[in-house]
Amino acid sequence: DQEAFRDHVGFAAGTEQDFQEFAN
């Protein structure tokens, strides 16, 4: 999902905290 959205409006690379929020 991160890779697909790299050219999306306002994209910012996710952090490990972002992944943990996603995972939980």
PDBML (XML) file of the C-alpha atoms, coordinates in Angstrom:
<?xml version="1.0" encoding="UTF-8" ?>
<PDBx:datablock datablockName="MODEL"
   xmlns:PDBx="http://pdbml.pdb.org/schema/pdbx-v50.xsd"
   xmlns:xsi="http://www.w3.org/2001/XMLSchema-instance"
   xsi:schemaLocation="http://pdbml.pdb.org/schema/pdbx-v50.xsd pdbx-v50.xsd">
   <PDBx:atom_siteCategory>
      <PDBx:atom_site id="1">
         <PDBx:B_iso_or_equiv>0.00</PDBx:B_iso_or_equiv>
         <PDBx:Cartn_x>0.000</PDBx:Cartn_x>
         <PDBx:Cartn_y>0.000</PDBx:Cartn_y>
         <PDBx:Cartn_z>0.000</PDBx:Cartn_z>
         <PDBx:auth_asym_id>A</PDBx:auth_asym_id>
         <PDBx:auth_atom_id>CA</PDBx:auth_atom_id>
         <PDBx:auth_comp_id>ASP</PDBx:auth_comp_id>
         <PDBx:auth_seq_id>1</PDBx:auth_seq_id>
         <PDBx:group_PDB>ATOM</PDBx:group_PDB>
         <PDBx:label_alt_id xsi:nil="true" />
         <PDBx:label_asym_id>A</PDBx:label_asym_id>
         <PDBx:label_atom_id>CA</PDBx:label_atom_id>
         <PDBx:label_comp_id>ASP</PDBx:label_comp_id>
         <PDBx:label_entity_id>1</PDBx:label_entity_id>
         <PDBx:label_seq_id>1</PDBx:label_seq_id>
         <PDBx:occupancy>1.00</PDBx:occupancy>
         <PDBx:pdbx_PDB_model_num>1</PDBx:pdbx_PDB_model_num>
         <PDBx:type_symbol>C</PDBx:type_symbol>
      </PDBx:atom_site>
      <PDBx:atom_site id="2">
         <PDBx:B_iso_or_equiv>0.00</PDBx:B_iso_or_equiv>
         <PDBx:Cartn_x>2.852</PDBx:Cartn_x>
         <PDBx:Cartn_y>2.378</PDBx:Cartn_y>
         <PDBx:Cartn_z>0.835</PDBx:Cartn_z>
         <PDBx:auth_asym_id>A</PDBx:auth_asym_id>
         <PDBx:auth_atom_id>CA</PDBx:auth_atom_id>
         <PDBx:auth_comp_id>GLN</PDBx:auth_comp_id>
         <PDBx:auth_seq_id>2</PDBx:auth_seq_id>
         <PDBx:group_PDB>ATOM</PDBx:group_PDB>
         <PDBx:label_alt_id xsi:nil="true" />
         <PDBx:label_asym_id>A</PDBx:label_asym_id>
         <PDBx:label_atom_id>CA</PDBx:label_atom_id>
         <PDBx:label_comp_id>GLN</PDBx:label_comp_id>
         <PDBx:label_entity_id>1</PDBx:label_entity_id>
         <PDBx:label_seq_id>2</PDBx:label_seq_id>
         <PDBx:occupancy>1.00</PDBx:occupancy>
         <PDBx:pdbx_PDB_model_num>1</PDBx:pdbx_PDB_model_num>
         <PDBx:type_symbol>C</PDBx:type_symbol>
      </PDBx:atom_site>
      <PDBx:atom_site id="3">
         <PDBx:B_iso_or_equiv>0.00</PDBx:B_iso_or_equiv>
         <PDBx:Cartn_x>4.541</PDBx:Cartn_x>
         <PDBx:Cartn_y>1.762</PDBx:Cartn_y>
         <PDBx:Cartn_z>-2.506</PDBx:Cartn_z>
         <PDBx:auth_asym_id>A</PDBx:auth_asym_id>
         <PDBx:auth_atom_id>CA</PDBx:auth_atom_id>
         <PDBx:auth_comp_id>GLU</PDBx:auth_comp_id>
         <PDBx:auth_seq_id>3</PDBx:auth_seq_id>
         <PDBx:group_PDB>ATOM</PDBx:group_PDB>
         <PDBx:label_alt_id xsi:nil="true" />
         <PDBx:label_asym_id>A</PDBx:label_asym_id>
         <PDBx:label_atom_id>CA</PDBx:label_atom_id>
         <PDBx:label_comp_id>GLU</PDBx:label_comp_id>
         <PDBx:label_entity_id>1</PDBx:label_entity_id>
         <PDBx:label_seq_id>3</PDBx:label_seq_id>
         <PDBx:occupancy>1.00</PDBx:occupancy>
         <PDBx:pdbx_PDB_model_num>1</PDBx:pdbx_PDB_model_num>
         <PDBx:type_symbol>C</PDBx:type_symbol>
      </PDBx:atom_site>
      <PDBx:atom_site id="4">
         <PDBx:B_iso_or_equiv>0.00</PDBx:B_iso_or_equiv>
         <PDBx:Cartn_x>1.316</PDBx:Cartn_x>
         <PDBx:Cartn_y>2.195</PDBx:Cartn_y>
         <PDBx:Cartn_z>-4.480</PDBx:Cartn_z>
         <PDBx:auth_asym_id>A</PDBx:auth_asym_id>
         <PDBx:auth_atom_id>CA</PDBx:auth_atom_id>
         <PDBx:auth_comp_id>ALA</PDBx:auth_comp_id>
         <PDBx:auth_seq_id>4</PDBx:auth_seq_id>
         <PDBx:group_PDB>ATOM</PDBx:group_PDB>
         <PDBx:label_alt_id xsi:nil="true" />
         <PDBx:label_asym_id>A</PDBx:label_asym_id>
         <PDBx:label_atom_id>CA</PDBx:label_atom_id>
         <PDBx:label_comp_id>ALA</PDBx:label_comp_id>
         <PDBx:label_entity_id>1</PDBx:label_entity_id>
         <PDBx:label_seq_id>4</PDBx:label_seq_id>
         <PDBx:occupancy>1.00</PDBx:occupancy>
         <PDBx:pdbx_PDB_model_num>1</PDBx:pdbx_PDB_model_num>
         <PDBx:type_symbol>C</PDBx:type_symbol>
      </PDBx:atom_site>
      <PDBx:atom_site id="5">
         <PDBx:B_iso_or_equiv>0.00</PDBx:B_iso_or_equiv>
         <PDBx:Cartn_x>0.567</PDBx:Cartn_x>
         <PDBx:Cartn_y>5.555</PDBx:Cartn_y>
         <PDBx:Cartn_z>-2.853</PDBx:Cartn_z>
         <PDBx:auth_asym_id>A</PDBx:auth_asym_id>
         <PDBx:auth_atom_id>CA</PDBx:auth_atom_id>
         <PDBx:auth_comp_id>PHE</PDBx:auth_comp_id>
         <PDBx:auth_seq_id>5</PDBx:auth_seq_id>
         <PDBx:group_PDB>ATOM</PDBx:group_PDB>
         <PDBx:label_alt_id xsi:nil="true" />
         <PDBx:label_asym_id>A</PDBx:label_asym_id>
         <PDBx:label_atom_id>CA</PDBx:label_atom_id>
         <PDBx:label_comp_id>PHE</PDBx:label_comp_id>
         <PDBx:label_entity_id>1</PDBx:label_entity_id>
         <PDBx:label_seq_id>5</PDBx:label_seq_id>
         <PDBx:occupancy>1.00</PDBx:occupancy>
         <PDBx:pdbx_PDB_model_num>1</PDBx:pdbx_PDB_model_num>
         <PDBx:type_symbol>C</PDBx:type_symbol>
      </PDBx:atom_site>
      <PDBx:atom_site id="6">
         <PDBx:B_iso_or_equiv>0.00</PDBx:B_iso_or_equiv>
         <PDBx:Cartn_x>3.974</PDBx:Cartn_x>
         <PDBx:Cartn_y>7.174</PDBx:Cartn_y>
         <PDBx:Cartn_z>-3.345</PDBx:Cartn_z>
         <PDBx:auth_asym_id>A</PDBx:auth_asym_id>
         <PDBx:auth_atom_id>CA</PDBx:auth_atom_id>
         <PDBx:auth_comp_id>ARG</PDBx:auth_comp_id>
         <PDBx:auth_seq_id>6</PDBx:auth_seq_id>
         <PDBx:group_PDB>ATOM</PDBx:group_PDB>
         <PDBx:label_alt_id xsi:nil="true" />
         <PDBx:label_asym_id>A</PDBx:label_asym_id>
         <PDBx:label_atom_id>CA</PDBx:label_atom_id>
         <PDBx:label_comp_id>ARG</PDBx:label_comp_id>
         <PDBx:label_entity_id>1</PDBx:label_entity_id>
         <PDBx:label_seq_id>6</PDBx:label_seq_id>
         <PDBx:occupancy>1.00</PDBx:occupancy>
         <PDBx:pdbx_PDB_model_num>1</PDBx:pdbx_PDB_model_num>
         <PDBx:type_symbol>C</PDBx:type_symbol>
      </PDBx:atom_site>
      <PDBx:atom_site id="7">
         <PDBx:B_iso_or_equiv>0.00</PDBx:B_iso_or_equiv>
         <PDBx:Cartn_x>2.583</PDBx:Cartn_x>
         <PDBx:Cartn_y>9.398</PDBx:Cartn_y>
         <PDBx:Cartn_z>-6.126</PDBx:Cartn_z>
         <PDBx:auth_asym_id>A</PDBx:auth_asym_id>
         <PDBx:auth_atom_id>CA</PDBx:auth_atom_id>
         <PDBx:auth_comp_id>ASP</PDBx:auth_comp_id>
         <PDBx:auth_seq_id>7</PDBx:auth_seq_id>
         <PDBx:group_PDB>ATOM</PDBx:group_PDB>
         <PDBx:label_alt_id xsi:nil="true" />
         <PDBx:label_asym_id>A</PDBx:label_asym_id>
         <PDBx:label_atom_id>CA</PDBx:label_atom_id>
         <PDBx:label_comp_id>ASP</PDBx:label_comp_id>
         <PDBx:label_entity_id>1</PDBx:label_entity_id>
         <PDBx:label_seq_id>7</PDBx:label_seq_id>
         <PDBx:occupancy>1.00</PDBx:occupancy>
         <PDBx:pdbx_PDB_model_num>1</PDBx:pdbx_PDB_model_num>
         <PDBx:type_symbol>C</PDBx:type_symbol>
      </PDBx:atom_site>
      <PDBx:atom_site id="8">
         <PDBx:B_iso_or_equiv>0.00</PDBx:B_iso_or_equiv>
         <PDBx:Cartn_x>-0.639</PDBx:Cartn_x>
         <PDBx:Cartn_y>10.124</PDBx:Cartn_y>
         <PDBx:Cartn_z>-4.263</PDBx:Cartn_z>
         <PDBx:auth_asym_id>A</PDBx:auth_asym_id>
         <PDBx:auth_atom_id>CA</PDBx:auth_atom_id>
         <PDBx:auth_comp_id>HIS</PDBx:auth_comp_id>
         <PDBx:auth_seq_id>8</PDBx:auth_seq_id>
         <PDBx:group_PDB>ATOM</PDBx:group_PDB>
         <PDBx:label_alt_id xsi:nil="true" />
         <PDBx:label_asym_id>A</PDBx:label_asym_id>
         <PDBx:label_atom_id>CA</PDBx:label_atom_id>
         <PDBx:label_comp_id>HIS</PDBx:label_comp_id>
         <PDBx:label_entity_id>1</PDBx:label_entity_id>
         <PDBx:label_seq_id>8</PDBx:label_seq_id>
         <PDBx:occupancy>1.00</PDBx:occupancy>
         <PDBx:pdbx_PDB_model_num>1</PDBx:pdbx_PDB_model_num>
         <PDBx:type_symbol>C</PDBx:type_symbol>
      </PDBx:atom_site>
      <PDBx:atom_site id="9">
         <PDBx:B_iso_or_equiv>0.00</PDBx:B_iso_or_equiv>
         <PDBx:Cartn_x>-1.521</PDBx:Cartn_x>
         <PDBx:Cartn_y>13.664</PDBx:Cartn_y>
         <PDBx:Cartn_z>-3.178</PDBx:Cartn_z>
         <PDBx:auth_asym_id>A</PDBx:auth_asym_id>
         <PDBx:auth_atom_id>CA</PDBx:auth_atom_id>
         <PDBx:auth_comp_id>VAL</PDBx:auth_comp_id>
         <PDBx:auth_seq_id>9</PDBx:auth_seq_id>
         <PDBx:group_PDB>ATOM</PDBx:group_PDB>
         <PDBx:label_alt_id xsi:nil="true" />
         <PDBx:label_asym_id>A</PDBx:label_asym_id>
         <PDBx:label_atom_id>CA</PDBx:label_atom_id>
         <PDBx:label_comp_id>VAL</PDBx:label_comp_id>
         <PDBx:label_entity_id>1</PDBx:label_entity_id>
         <PDBx:label_seq_id>9</PDBx:label_seq_id>
         <PDBx:occupancy>1.00</PDBx:occupancy>
         <PDBx:pdbx_PDB_model_num>1</PDBx:pdbx_PDB_model_num>
         <PDBx:type_symbol>C</PDBx:type_symbol>
      </PDBx:atom_site>
      <PDBx:atom_site id="10">
         <PDBx:B_iso_or_equiv>0.00</PDBx:B_iso_or_equiv>
         <PDBx:Cartn_x>0.161</PDBx:Cartn_x>
         <PDBx:Cartn_y>14.466</PDBx:Cartn_y>
         <PDBx:Cartn_z>0.140</PDBx:Cartn_z>
         <PDBx:auth_asym_id>A</PDBx:auth_asym_id>
         <PDBx:auth_atom_id>CA</PDBx:auth_atom_id>
         <PDBx:auth_comp_id>GLY</PDBx:auth_comp_id>
         <PDBx:auth_seq_id>10</PDBx:auth_seq_id>
         <PDBx:group_PDB>ATOM</PDBx:group_PDB>
         <PDBx:label_alt_id xsi:nil="true" />
         <PDBx:label_asym_id>A</PDBx:label_asym_id>
         <PDBx:label_atom_id>CA</PDBx:label_atom_id>
         <PDBx:label_comp_id>GLY</PDBx:label_comp_id>
         <PDBx:label_entity_id>1</PDBx:label_entity_id>
         <PDBx:label_seq_id>10</PDBx:label_seq_id>
         <PDBx:occupancy>1.00</PDBx:occupancy>
         <PDBx:pdbx_PDB_model_num>1</PDBx:pdbx_PDB_model_num>
         <PDBx:type_symbol>C</PDBx:type_symbol>
      </PDBx:atom_site>
      <PDBx:atom_site id="11">
         <PDBx:B_iso_or_equiv>0.00</PDBx:B_iso_or_equiv>
         <PDBx:Cartn_x>1.889</PDBx:Cartn_x>
         <PDBx:Cartn_y>11.089</PDBx:Cartn_y>
         <PDBx:Cartn_z>0.555</PDBx:Cartn_z>
         <PDBx:auth_asym_id>A</PDBx:auth_asym_id>
         <PDBx:auth_atom_id>CA</PDBx:auth_atom_id>
         <PDBx:auth_comp_id>PHE</PDBx:auth_comp_id>
         <PDBx:auth_seq_id>11</PDBx:auth_seq_id>
         <PDBx:group_PDB>ATOM</PDBx:group_PDB>
         <PDBx:label_alt_id xsi:nil="true" />
         <PDBx:label_asym_id>A</PDBx:label_asym_id>
         <PDBx:label_atom_id>CA</PDBx:label_atom_id>
         <PDBx:label_comp_id>PHE</PDBx:label_comp_id>
         <PDBx:label_entity_id>1</PDBx:label_entity_id>
         <PDBx:label_seq_id>11</PDBx:label_seq_id>
         <PDBx:occupancy>1.00</PDBx:occupancy>
         <PDBx:pdbx_PDB_model_num>1</PDBx:pdbx_PDB_model_num>
         <PDBx:type_symbol>C</PDBx:type_symbol>
      </PDBx:atom_site>
      <PDBx:atom_site id="12">
         <PDBx:B_iso_or_equiv>0.00</PDBx:B_iso_or_equiv>
         <PDBx:Cartn_x>4.316</PDBx:Cartn_x>
         <PDBx:Cartn_y>10.760</PDBx:Cartn_y>
         <PDBx:Cartn_z>3.462</PDBx:Cartn_z>
         <PDBx:auth_asym_id>A</PDBx:auth_asym_id>
         <PDBx:auth_atom_id>CA</PDBx:auth_atom_id>
         <PDBx:auth_comp_id>ALA</PDBx:auth_comp_id>
         <PDBx:auth_seq_id>12</PDBx:auth_seq_id>
         <PDBx:group_PDB>ATOM</PDBx:group_PDB>
         <PDBx:label_alt_id xsi:nil="true" />
         <PDBx:label_asym_id>A</PDBx:label_asym_id>
         <PDBx:label_atom_id>CA</PDBx:label_atom_id>
         <PDBx:label_comp_id>ALA</PDBx:label_comp_id>
         <PDBx:label_entity_id>1</PDBx:label_entity_id>
         <PDBx:label_seq_id>12</PDBx:label_seq_id>
         <PDBx:occupancy>1.00</PDBx:occupancy>
         <PDBx:pdbx_PDB_model_num>1</PDBx:pdbx_PDB_model_num>
         <PDBx:type_symbol>C</PDBx:type_symbol>
      </PDBx:atom_site>
      <PDBx:atom_site id="13">
         <PDBx:B_iso_or_equiv>0.00</PDBx:B_iso_or_equiv>
         <PDBx:Cartn_x>6.360</PDBx:Cartn_x>
         <PDBx:Cartn_y>7.624</PDBx:Cartn_y>
         <PDBx:Cartn_z>4.049</PDBx:Cartn_z>
         <PDBx:auth_asym_id>A</PDBx:auth_asym_id>
         <PDBx:auth_atom_id>CA</PDBx:auth_atom_id>
         <PDBx:auth_comp_id>ALA</PDBx:auth_comp_id>
         <PDBx:auth_seq_id>13</PDBx:auth_seq_id>
         <PDBx:group_PDB>ATOM</PDBx:group_PDB>
         <PDBx:label_alt_id xsi:nil="true" />
         <PDBx:label_asym_id>A</PDBx:label_asym_id>
         <PDBx:label_atom_id>CA</PDBx:label_atom_id>
         <PDBx:label_comp_id>ALA</PDBx:label_comp_id>
         <PDBx:label_entity_id>1</PDBx:label_entity_id>
         <PDBx:label_seq_id>13</PDBx:label_seq_id>
         <PDBx:occupancy>1.00</PDBx:occupancy>
         <PDBx:pdbx_PDB_model_num>1</PDBx:pdbx_PDB_model_num>
         <PDBx:type_symbol>C</PDBx:type_symbol>
      </PDBx:atom_site>
      <PDBx:atom_site id="14">
         <PDBx:B_iso_or_equiv>0.00</PDBx:B_iso_or_equiv>
         <PDBx:Cartn_x>4.935</PDBx:Cartn_x>
         <PDBx:Cartn_y>5.625</PDBx:Cartn_y>
         <PDBx:Cartn_z>6.924</PDBx:Cartn_z>
         <PDBx:auth_asym_id>A</PDBx:auth_asym_id>
         <PDBx:auth_atom_id>CA</PDBx:auth_atom_id>
         <PDBx:auth_comp_id>GLY</PDBx:auth_comp_id>
         <PDBx:auth_seq_id>14</PDBx:auth_seq_id>
         <PDBx:group_PDB>ATOM</PDBx:group_PDB>
         <PDBx:label_alt_id xsi:nil="true" />
         <PDBx:label_asym_id>A</PDBx:label_asym_id>
         <PDBx:label_atom_id>CA</PDBx:label_atom_id>
         <PDBx:label_comp_id>GLY</PDBx:label_comp_id>
         <PDBx:label_entity_id>1</PDBx:label_entity_id>
         <PDBx:label_seq_id>14</PDBx:label_seq_id>
         <PDBx:occupancy>1.00</PDBx:occupancy>
         <PDBx:pdbx_PDB_model_num>1</PDBx:pdbx_PDB_model_num>
         <PDBx:type_symbol>C</PDBx:type_symbol>
      </PDBx:atom_site>
      <PDBx:atom_site id="15">
         <PDBx:B_iso_or_equiv>0.00</PDBx:B_iso_or_equiv>
         <PDBx:Cartn_x>6.864</PDBx:Cartn_x>
         <PDBx:Cartn_y>5.052</PDBx:Cartn_y>
         <PDBx:Cartn_z>10.133</PDBx:Cartn_z>
         <PDBx:auth_asym_id>A</PDBx:auth_asym_id>
         <PDBx:auth_atom_id>CA</PDBx:auth_atom_id>
         <PDBx:auth_comp_id>THR</PDBx:auth_comp_id>
         <PDBx:auth_seq_id>15</PDBx:auth_seq_id>
         <PDBx:group_PDB>ATOM</PDBx:group_PDB>
         <PDBx:label_alt_id xsi:nil="true" />
         <PDBx:label_asym_id>A</PDBx:label_asym_id>
         <PDBx:label_atom_id>CA</PDBx:label_atom_id>
         <PDBx:label_comp_id>THR</PDBx:label_comp_id>
         <PDBx:label_entity_id>1</PDBx:label_entity_id>
         <PDBx:label_seq_id>15</PDBx:label_seq_id>
         <PDBx:occupancy>1.00</PDBx:occupancy>
         <PDBx:pdbx_PDB_model_num>1</PDBx:pdbx_PDB_model_num>
         <PDBx:type_symbol>C</PDBx:type_symbol>
      </PDBx:atom_site>
      <PDBx:atom_site id="16">
         <PDBx:B_iso_or_equiv>0.00</PDBx:B_iso_or_equiv>
         <PDBx:Cartn_x>7.098</PDBx:Cartn_x>
         <PDBx:Cartn_y>1.931</PDBx:Cartn_y>
         <PDBx:Cartn_z>12.281</PDBx:Cartn_z>
         <PDBx:auth_asym_id>A</PDBx:auth_asym_id>
         <PDBx:auth_atom_id>CA</PDBx:auth_atom_id>
         <PDBx:auth_comp_id>GLU</PDBx:auth_comp_id>
         <PDBx:auth_seq_id>16</PDBx:auth_seq_id>
         <PDBx:group_PDB>ATOM</PDBx:group_PDB>
         <PDBx:label_alt_id xsi:nil="true" />
         <PDBx:label_asym_id>A</PDBx:label_asym_id>
         <PDBx:label_atom_id>CA</PDBx:label_atom_id>
         <PDBx:label_comp_id>GLU</PDBx:label_comp_id>
         <PDBx:label_entity_id>1</PDBx:label_entity_id>
         <PDBx:label_seq_id>16</PDBx:label_seq_id>
         <PDBx:occupancy>1.00</PDBx:occupancy>
         <PDBx:pdbx_PDB_model_num>1</PDBx:pdbx_PDB_model_num>
         <PDBx:type_symbol>C</PDBx:type_symbol>
      </PDBx:atom_site>
      <PDBx:atom_site id="17">
         <PDBx:B_iso_or_equiv>0.00</PDBx:B_iso_or_equiv>
         <PDBx:Cartn_x>4.487</PDBx:Cartn_x>
         <PDBx:Cartn_y>3.551</PDBx:Cartn_y>
         <PDBx:Cartn_z>14.523</PDBx:Cartn_z>
         <PDBx:auth_asym_id>A</PDBx:auth_asym_id>
         <PDBx:auth_atom_id>CA</PDBx:auth_atom_id>
         <PDBx:auth_comp_id>GLN</PDBx:auth_comp_id>
         <PDBx:auth_seq_id>17</PDBx:auth_seq_id>
         <PDBx:group_PDB>ATOM</PDBx:group_PDB>
         <PDBx:label_alt_id xsi:nil="true" />
         <PDBx:label_asym_id>A</PDBx:label_asym_id>
         <PDBx:label_atom_id>CA</PDBx:label_atom_id>
         <PDBx:label_comp_id>GLN</PDBx:label_comp_id>
         <PDBx:label_entity_id>1</PDBx:label_entity_id>
         <PDBx:label_seq_id>17</PDBx:label_seq_id>
         <PDBx:occupancy>1.00</PDBx:occupancy>
         <PDBx:pdbx_PDB_model_num>1</PDBx:pdbx_PDB_model_num>
         <PDBx:type_symbol>C</PDBx:type_symbol>
      </PDBx:atom_site>
      <PDBx:atom_site id="18">
         <PDBx:B_iso_or_equiv>0.00</PDBx:B_iso_or_equiv>
         <PDBx:Cartn_x>2.190</PDBx:Cartn_x>
         <PDBx:Cartn_y>3.878</PDBx:Cartn_y>
         <PDBx:Cartn_z>11.510</PDBx:Cartn_z>
         <PDBx:auth_asym_id>A</PDBx:auth_asym_id>
         <PDBx:auth_atom_id>CA</PDBx:auth_atom_id>
         <PDBx:auth_comp_id>ASP</PDBx:auth_comp_id>
         <PDBx:auth_seq_id>18</PDBx:auth_seq_id>
         <PDBx:group_PDB>ATOM</PDBx:group_PDB>
         <PDBx:label_alt_id xsi:nil="true" />
         <PDBx:label_asym_id>A</PDBx:label_asym_id>
         <PDBx:label_atom_id>CA</PDBx:label_atom_id>
         <PDBx:label_comp_id>ASP</PDBx:label_comp_id>
         <PDBx:label_entity_id>1</PDBx:label_entity_id>
         <PDBx:label_seq_id>18</PDBx:label_seq_id>
         <PDBx:occupancy>1.00</PDBx:occupancy>
         <PDBx:pdbx_PDB_model_num>1</PDBx:pdbx_PDB_model_num>
         <PDBx:type_symbol>C</PDBx:type_symbol>
      </PDBx:atom_site>
      <PDBx:atom_site id="19">
         <PDBx:B_iso_or_equiv>0.00</PDBx:B_iso_or_equiv>
         <PDBx:Cartn_x>2.604</PDBx:Cartn_x>
         <PDBx:Cartn_y>0.189</PDBx:Cartn_y>
         <PDBx:Cartn_z>10.767</PDBx:Cartn_z>
         <PDBx:auth_asym_id>A</PDBx:auth_asym_id>
         <PDBx:auth_atom_id>CA</PDBx:auth_atom_id>
         <PDBx:auth_comp_id>PHE</PDBx:auth_comp_id>
         <PDBx:auth_seq_id>19</PDBx:auth_seq_id>
         <PDBx:group_PDB>ATOM</PDBx:group_PDB>
         <PDBx:label_alt_id xsi:nil="true" />
         <PDBx:label_asym_id>A</PDBx:label_asym_id>
         <PDBx:label_atom_id>CA</PDBx:label_atom_id>
         <PDBx:label_comp_id>PHE</PDBx:label_comp_id>
         <PDBx:label_entity_id>1</PDBx:label_entity_id>
         <PDBx:label_seq_id>19</PDBx:label_seq_id>
         <PDBx:occupancy>1.00</PDBx:occupancy>
         <PDBx:pdbx_PDB_model_num>1</PDBx:pdbx_PDB_model_num>
         <PDBx:type_symbol>C</PDBx:type_symbol>
      </PDBx:atom_site>
      <PDBx:atom_site id="20">
         <PDBx:B_iso_or_equiv>0.00</PDBx:B_iso_or_equiv>
         <PDBx:Cartn_x>1.865</PDBx:Cartn_x>
         <PDBx:Cartn_y>-0.749</PDBx:Cartn_y>
         <PDBx:Cartn_z>14.373</PDBx:Cartn_z>
         <PDBx:auth_asym_id>A</PDBx:auth_asym_id>
         <PDBx:auth_atom_id>CA</PDBx:auth_atom_id>
         <PDBx:auth_comp_id>GLN</PDBx:auth_comp_id>
         <PDBx:auth_seq_id>20</PDBx:auth_seq_id>
         <PDBx:group_PDB>ATOM</PDBx:group_PDB>
         <PDBx:label_alt_id xsi:nil="true" />
         <PDBx:label_asym_id>A</PDBx:label_asym_id>
         <PDBx:label_atom_id>CA</PDBx:label_atom_id>
         <PDBx:label_comp_id>GLN</PDBx:label_comp_id>
         <PDBx:label_entity_id>1</PDBx:label_entity_id>
         <PDBx:label_seq_id>20</PDBx:label_seq_id>
         <PDBx:occupancy>1.00</PDBx:occupancy>
         <PDBx:pdbx_PDB_model_num>1</PDBx:pdbx_PDB_model_num>
         <PDBx:type_symbol>C</PDBx:type_symbol>
      </PDBx:atom_site>
      <PDBx:atom_site id="21">
         <PDBx:B_iso_or_equiv>0.00</PDBx:B_iso_or_equiv>
         <PDBx:Cartn_x>-1.325</PDBx:Cartn_x>
         <PDBx:Cartn_y>1.341</PDBx:Cartn_y>
         <PDBx:Cartn_z>14.271</PDBx:Cartn_z>
         <PDBx:auth_asym_id>A</PDBx:auth_asym_id>
         <PDBx:auth_atom_id>CA</PDBx:auth_atom_id>
         <PDBx:auth_comp_id>GLU</PDBx:auth_comp_id>
         <PDBx:auth_seq_id>21</PDBx:auth_seq_id>
         <PDBx:group_PDB>ATOM</PDBx:group_PDB>
         <PDBx:label_alt_id xsi:nil="true" />
         <PDBx:label_asym_id>A</PDBx:label_asym_id>
         <PDBx:label_atom_id>CA</PDBx:label_atom_id>
         <PDBx:label_comp_id>GLU</PDBx:label_comp_id>
         <PDBx:label_entity_id>1</PDBx:label_entity_id>
         <PDBx:label_seq_id>21</PDBx:label_seq_id>
         <PDBx:occupancy>1.00</PDBx:occupancy>
         <PDBx:pdbx_PDB_model_num>1</PDBx:pdbx_PDB_model_num>
         <PDBx:type_symbol>C</PDBx:type_symbol>
      </PDBx:atom_site>
      <PDBx:atom_site id="22">
         <PDBx:B_iso_or_equiv>0.00</PDBx:B_iso_or_equiv>
         <PDBx:Cartn_x>-2.299</PDBx:Cartn_x>
         <PDBx:Cartn_y>-0.498</PDBx:Cartn_y>
         <PDBx:Cartn_z>11.065</PDBx:Cartn_z>
         <PDBx:auth_asym_id>A</PDBx:auth_asym_id>
         <PDBx:auth_atom_id>CA</PDBx:auth_atom_id>
         <PDBx:auth_comp_id>PHE</PDBx:auth_comp_id>
         <PDBx:auth_seq_id>22</PDBx:auth_seq_id>
         <PDBx:group_PDB>ATOM</PDBx:group_PDB>
         <PDBx:label_alt_id xsi:nil="true" />
         <PDBx:label_asym_id>A</PDBx:label_asym_id>
         <PDBx:label_atom_id>CA</PDBx:label_atom_id>
         <PDBx:label_comp_id>PHE</PDBx:label_comp_id>
         <PDBx:label_entity_id>1</PDBx:label_entity_id>
         <PDBx:label_seq_id>22</PDBx:label_seq_id>
         <PDBx:occupancy>1.00</PDBx:occupancy>
         <PDBx:pdbx_PDB_model_num>1</PDBx:pdbx_PDB_model_num>
         <PDBx:type_symbol>C</PDBx:type_symbol>
      </PDBx:atom_site>
      <PDBx:atom_site id="23">
         <PDBx:B_iso_or_equiv>0.00</PDBx:B_iso_or_equiv>
         <PDBx:Cartn_x>-1.411</PDBx:Cartn_x>
         <PDBx:Cartn_y>-3.902</PDBx:Cartn_y>
         <PDBx:Cartn_z>12.497</PDBx:Cartn_z>
         <PDBx:auth_asym_id>A</PDBx:auth_asym_id>
         <PDBx:auth_atom_id>CA</PDBx:auth_atom_id>
         <PDBx:auth_comp_id>ALA</PDBx:auth_comp_id>
         <PDBx:auth_seq_id>23</PDBx:auth_seq_id>
         <PDBx:group_PDB>ATOM</PDBx:group_PDB>
         <PDBx:label_alt_id xsi:nil="true" />
         <PDBx:label_asym_id>A</PDBx:label_asym_id>
         <PDBx:label_atom_id>CA</PDBx:label_atom_id>
         <PDBx:label_comp_id>ALA</PDBx:label_comp_id>
         <PDBx:label_entity_id>1</PDBx:label_entity_id>
         <PDBx:label_seq_id>23</PDBx:label_seq_id>
         <PDBx:occupancy>1.00</PDBx:occupancy>
         <PDBx:pdbx_PDB_model_num>1</PDBx:pdbx_PDB_model_num>
         <PDBx:type_symbol>C</PDBx:type_symbol>
      </PDBx:atom_site>
      <PDBx:atom_site id="24">
         <PDBx:B_iso_or_equiv>0.00</PDBx:B_iso_or_equiv>
         <PDBx:Cartn_x>-3.420</PDBx:Cartn_x>
         <PDBx:Cartn_y>-3.386</PDBx:Cartn_y>
         <PDBx:Cartn_z>15.687</PDBx:Cartn_z>
         <PDBx:auth_asym_id>A</PDBx:auth_asym_id>
         <PDBx:auth_atom_id>CA</PDBx:auth_atom_id>
         <PDBx:auth_comp_id>ASN</PDBx:auth_comp_id>
         <PDBx:auth_seq_id>24</PDBx:auth_seq_id>
         <PDBx:group_PDB>ATOM</PDBx:group_PDB>
         <PDBx:label_alt_id xsi:nil="true" />
         <PDBx:label_asym_id>A</PDBx:label_asym_id>
         <PDBx:label_atom_id>CA</PDBx:label_atom_id>
         <PDBx:label_comp_id>ASN</PDBx:label_comp_id>
         <PDBx:label_entity_id>1</PDBx:label_entity_id>
         <PDBx:label_seq_id>24</PDBx:label_seq_id>
         <PDBx:occupancy>1.00</PDBx:occupancy>
         <PDBx:pdbx_PDB_model_num>1</PDBx:pdbx_PDB_model_num>
         <PDBx:type_symbol>C</PDBx:type_symbol>
      </PDBx:atom_site>
   </PDBx:atom_siteCategory>
</PDBx:datablock>
